[in-house]
Amino acid sequence: MNCVGEYELDLRANRLVNIENLGATENQFQSIDLSDNALARLEDFPKLSKLRTLHLNGNKIVKIGRHLEGE
């Protein structure tokens, strides 16, 4: 749980180049921190209805999934 009371998955600074199987988290996180990795594409990022905060700073994102775009 982070400082604002959200259940958070902290994967920052792990040299990740891709993200797979986040759907297996069973939508339990409100915040996911993927900062400071080597991510470039999030096209297959699952739709997670409880997710409120997604930290991506320090990556070189060039492509994101349609449902991650602002409305």
N, C-alpha and C. Protein backbone atom coordinates (compact mmCIF):
# COMPACT_ATOMS: atom_id res chain seq x y z
N MET A 1 0.85 -1.16 0.00
CA MET A 1 0.00 0.00 0.00
C MET A 1 0.90 1.23 0.00
N ASN A 2 0.59 2.20 -0.85
CA ASN A 2 1.42 3.40 -0.92
C ASN A 2 0.94 4.46 0.07
N CYS A 3 1.55 5.63 0.04
CA CYS A 3 1.26 6.67 1.02
C CYS A 3 -0.14 7.26 0.91
N VAL A 4 -0.83 7.07 -0.20
CA VAL A 4 -2.20 7.56 -0.33
C VAL A 4 -3.22 6.44 -0.20
N GLY A 5 -2.79 5.30 0.31
CA GLY A 5 -3.70 4.20 0.61
C GLY A 5 -4.11 3.34 -0.57
N GLU A 6 -3.36 3.43 -1.68
CA GLU A 6 -3.65 2.59 -2.84
C GLU A 6 -2.79 1.34 -2.80
N TYR A 7 -3.35 0.23 -3.26
CA TYR A 7 -2.54 -0.97 -3.43
C TYR A 7 -1.67 -0.77 -4.66
N GLU A 8 -0.36 -0.87 -4.48
CA GLU A 8 0.59 -0.51 -5.53
C GLU A 8 1.51 -1.68 -5.86
N LEU A 9 1.76 -1.86 -7.15
CA LEU A 9 2.76 -2.80 -7.64
C LEU A 9 3.97 -1.97 -8.05
N ASP A 10 5.09 -2.15 -7.39
CA ASP A 10 6.28 -1.35 -7.63
C ASP A 10 7.30 -2.17 -8.42
N LEU A 11 7.43 -1.84 -9.70
CA LEU A 11 8.38 -2.52 -10.60
C LEU A 11 9.41 -1.54 -11.16
N ARG A 12 9.63 -0.44 -10.47
CA ARG A 12 10.54 0.59 -10.99
C ARG A 12 11.99 0.11 -10.95
N ALA A 13 12.74 0.61 -11.93
CA ALA A 13 14.19 0.38 -12.01
C ALA A 13 14.57 -1.10 -12.01
N ASN A 14 13.87 -1.88 -12.84
CA ASN A 14 14.16 -3.31 -12.96
C ASN A 14 14.68 -3.69 -14.34
N ARG A 15 14.99 -2.70 -15.17
CA ARG A 15 15.50 -2.93 -16.53
C ARG A 15 14.52 -3.73 -17.38
N LEU A 16 13.24 -3.55 -17.13
CA LEU A 16 12.22 -4.27 -17.91
C LEU A 16 12.15 -3.71 -19.33
N VAL A 17 12.09 -4.59 -20.31
CA VAL A 17 11.96 -4.16 -21.71
C VAL A 17 10.55 -4.43 -22.24
N ASN A 18 9.81 -5.29 -21.57
CA ASN A 18 8.40 -5.50 -21.92
C ASN A 18 7.64 -5.95 -20.68
N ILE A 19 6.34 -5.83 -20.76
CA ILE A 19 5.45 -6.21 -19.67
C ILE A 19 4.49 -7.25 -20.21
N GLU A 20 4.43 -8.38 -19.54
CA GLU A 20 3.52 -9.45 -19.95
C GLU A 20 2.73 -9.94 -18.74
N ASN A 21 1.55 -10.43 -19.00
CA ASN A 21 0.73 -11.11 -17.99
C ASN A 21 0.30 -10.24 -16.82
N LEU A 22 0.19 -8.92 -17.00
CA LEU A 22 -0.32 -8.10 -15.92
C LEU A 22 -1.79 -8.41 -15.64
N GLY A 23 -2.47 -9.00 -16.59
CA GLY A 23 -3.85 -9.42 -16.37
C GLY A 23 -3.95 -10.46 -15.27
N ALA A 24 -2.86 -11.17 -15.01
CA ALA A 24 -2.83 -12.19 -13.96
C ALA A 24 -2.88 -11.58 -12.56
N THR A 25 -2.73 -10.27 -12.46
CA THR A 25 -2.81 -9.61 -11.15
C THR A 25 -4.24 -9.56 -10.64
N GLU A 26 -5.16 -10.02 -11.47
CA GLU A 26 -6.58 -10.05 -11.13
C GLU A 26 -7.11 -8.68 -10.75
N ASN A 27 -6.55 -7.64 -11.40
CA ASN A 27 -7.05 -6.29 -11.25
C ASN A 27 -7.04 -5.81 -9.79
N GLN A 28 -6.03 -6.19 -9.03
CA GLN A 28 -6.02 -5.84 -7.61
C GLN A 28 -5.24 -4.57 -7.28
N PHE A 29 -4.54 -3.98 -8.25
CA PHE A 29 -3.73 -2.80 -7.96
C PHE A 29 -4.38 -1.52 -8.48
N GLN A 30 -4.29 -0.47 -7.66
CA GLN A 30 -4.79 0.84 -8.05
C GLN A 30 -3.66 1.69 -8.62
N SER A 31 -2.43 1.30 -8.34
CA SER A 31 -1.27 2.04 -8.80
C SER A 31 -0.19 1.04 -9.23
N ILE A 32 0.41 1.29 -10.40
CA ILE A 32 1.52 0.47 -10.88
C ILE A 32 2.66 1.42 -11.25
N ASP A 33 3.82 1.17 -10.68
CA ASP A 33 4.99 2.00 -10.94
C ASP A 33 5.97 1.23 -11.82
N LEU A 34 6.07 1.66 -13.07
CA LEU A 34 6.99 1.06 -14.04
C LEU A 34 8.10 2.04 -14.41
N SER A 35 8.33 3.02 -13.57
CA SER A 35 9.32 4.07 -13.84
C SER A 35 10.73 3.49 -13.99
N ASP A 36 11.52 4.20 -14.77
CA ASP A 36 12.96 3.92 -14.90
C ASP A 36 13.26 2.50 -15.34
N ASN A 37 12.55 2.05 -16.35
CA ASN A 37 12.82 0.77 -17.00
C ASN A 37 13.22 1.06 -18.44
N ALA A 38 13.14 0.08 -19.31
CA ALA A 38 13.50 0.26 -20.72
C ALA A 38 12.29 -0.05 -21.61
N LEU A 39 11.12 0.37 -21.16
CA LEU A 39 9.88 0.09 -21.90
C LEU A 39 9.73 1.05 -23.07
N ALA A 40 9.30 0.54 -24.21
CA ALA A 40 9.04 1.37 -25.38
C ALA A 40 7.61 1.20 -25.89
N ARG A 41 7.00 0.05 -25.66
CA ARG A 41 5.67 -0.23 -26.20
C ARG A 41 4.76 -0.81 -25.12
N LEU A 42 3.55 -0.29 -25.06
CA LEU A 42 2.54 -0.80 -24.13
C LEU A 42 1.25 -1.12 -24.88
N GLU A 43 1.39 -1.65 -26.07
CA GLU A 43 0.23 -1.95 -26.91
C GLU A 43 -0.66 -3.03 -26.31
N ASP A 44 -0.08 -4.01 -25.64
CA ASP A 44 -0.85 -5.12 -25.11
C ASP A 44 -1.13 -4.99 -23.62
N PHE A 45 -1.00 -3.78 -23.09
CA PHE A 45 -1.27 -3.55 -21.68
C PHE A 45 -2.74 -3.84 -21.42
N PRO A 46 -3.05 -4.69 -20.44
CA PRO A 46 -4.45 -5.07 -20.22
C PRO A 46 -5.28 -3.93 -19.65
N LYS A 47 -6.58 -4.00 -19.89
CA LYS A 47 -7.49 -3.02 -19.30
C LYS A 47 -7.71 -3.44 -17.85
N LEU A 48 -7.29 -2.59 -16.93
CA LEU A 48 -7.39 -2.86 -15.50
C LEU A 48 -8.30 -1.78 -14.89
N SER A 49 -9.52 -2.12 -14.60
CA SER A 49 -10.52 -1.12 -14.21
C SER A 49 -10.22 -0.45 -12.87
N LYS A 50 -9.49 -1.10 -11.98
CA LYS A 50 -9.16 -0.49 -10.69
C LYS A 50 -7.93 0.42 -10.77
N LEU A 51 -7.18 0.33 -11.85
CA LEU A 51 -5.95 1.11 -11.99
C LEU A 51 -6.27 2.60 -12.09
N ARG A 52 -5.69 3.39 -11.20
CA ARG A 52 -5.89 4.84 -11.19
C ARG A 52 -4.61 5.59 -11.56
N THR A 53 -3.46 5.01 -11.23
CA THR A 53 -2.18 5.68 -11.45
C THR A 53 -1.21 4.70 -12.10
N LEU A 54 -0.62 5.13 -13.21
CA LEU A 54 0.38 4.34 -13.92
C LEU A 54 1.60 5.22 -14.12
N HIS A 55 2.68 4.91 -13.42
CA HIS A 55 3.92 5.70 -13.50
C HIS A 55 4.80 5.11 -14.60
N LEU A 56 5.15 5.95 -15.58
CA LEU A 56 5.96 5.49 -16.71
C LEU A 56 7.18 6.37 -16.96
N ASN A 57 7.45 7.34 -16.10
CA ASN A 57 8.57 8.24 -16.34
C ASN A 57 9.89 7.46 -16.37
N GLY A 58 10.82 7.96 -17.17
CA GLY A 58 12.11 7.30 -17.28
C GLY A 58 12.13 6.15 -18.26
N ASN A 59 11.09 6.02 -19.08
CA ASN A 59 11.02 5.02 -20.15
C ASN A 59 11.02 5.77 -21.48
N LYS A 60 11.12 5.05 -22.56
CA LYS A 60 11.09 5.67 -23.89
C LYS A 60 9.87 5.15 -24.65
N ILE A 61 8.70 5.45 -24.13
CA ILE A 61 7.45 4.95 -24.68
C ILE A 61 7.20 5.58 -26.05
N VAL A 62 6.97 4.74 -27.06
CA VAL A 62 6.63 5.22 -28.40
C VAL A 62 5.24 4.77 -28.83
N LYS A 63 4.69 3.76 -28.17
CA LYS A 63 3.39 3.22 -28.57
C LYS A 63 2.66 2.74 -27.32
N ILE A 64 1.39 3.16 -27.17
CA ILE A 64 0.58 2.69 -26.05
C ILE A 64 -0.72 2.09 -26.58
N GLY A 65 -1.34 1.27 -25.76
CA GLY A 65 -2.61 0.67 -26.12
C GLY A 65 -3.71 1.72 -26.15
N ARG A 66 -4.70 1.49 -26.98
CA ARG A 66 -5.78 2.45 -27.18
C ARG A 66 -6.50 2.79 -25.87
N HIS A 67 -6.72 1.81 -25.00
CA HIS A 67 -7.46 2.08 -23.76
C HIS A 67 -6.63 2.85 -22.73
N LEU A 68 -5.34 3.05 -22.96
CA LEU A 68 -4.52 3.85 -22.07
C LEU A 68 -4.52 5.32 -22.46
N GLU A 69 -5.02 5.63 -23.64
CA GLU A 69 -5.07 7.02 -24.10
C GLU A 69 -6.13 7.77 -23.31
N GLY A 70 -5.91 9.06 -23.10
CA GLY A 70 -6.89 9.89 -22.40
C GLY A 70 -8.18 10.00 -23.18
N GLU A 71 -9.25 10.19 -22.45
CA GLU A 71 -10.57 10.30 -23.11
C GLU A 71 -10.91 11.74 -23.37
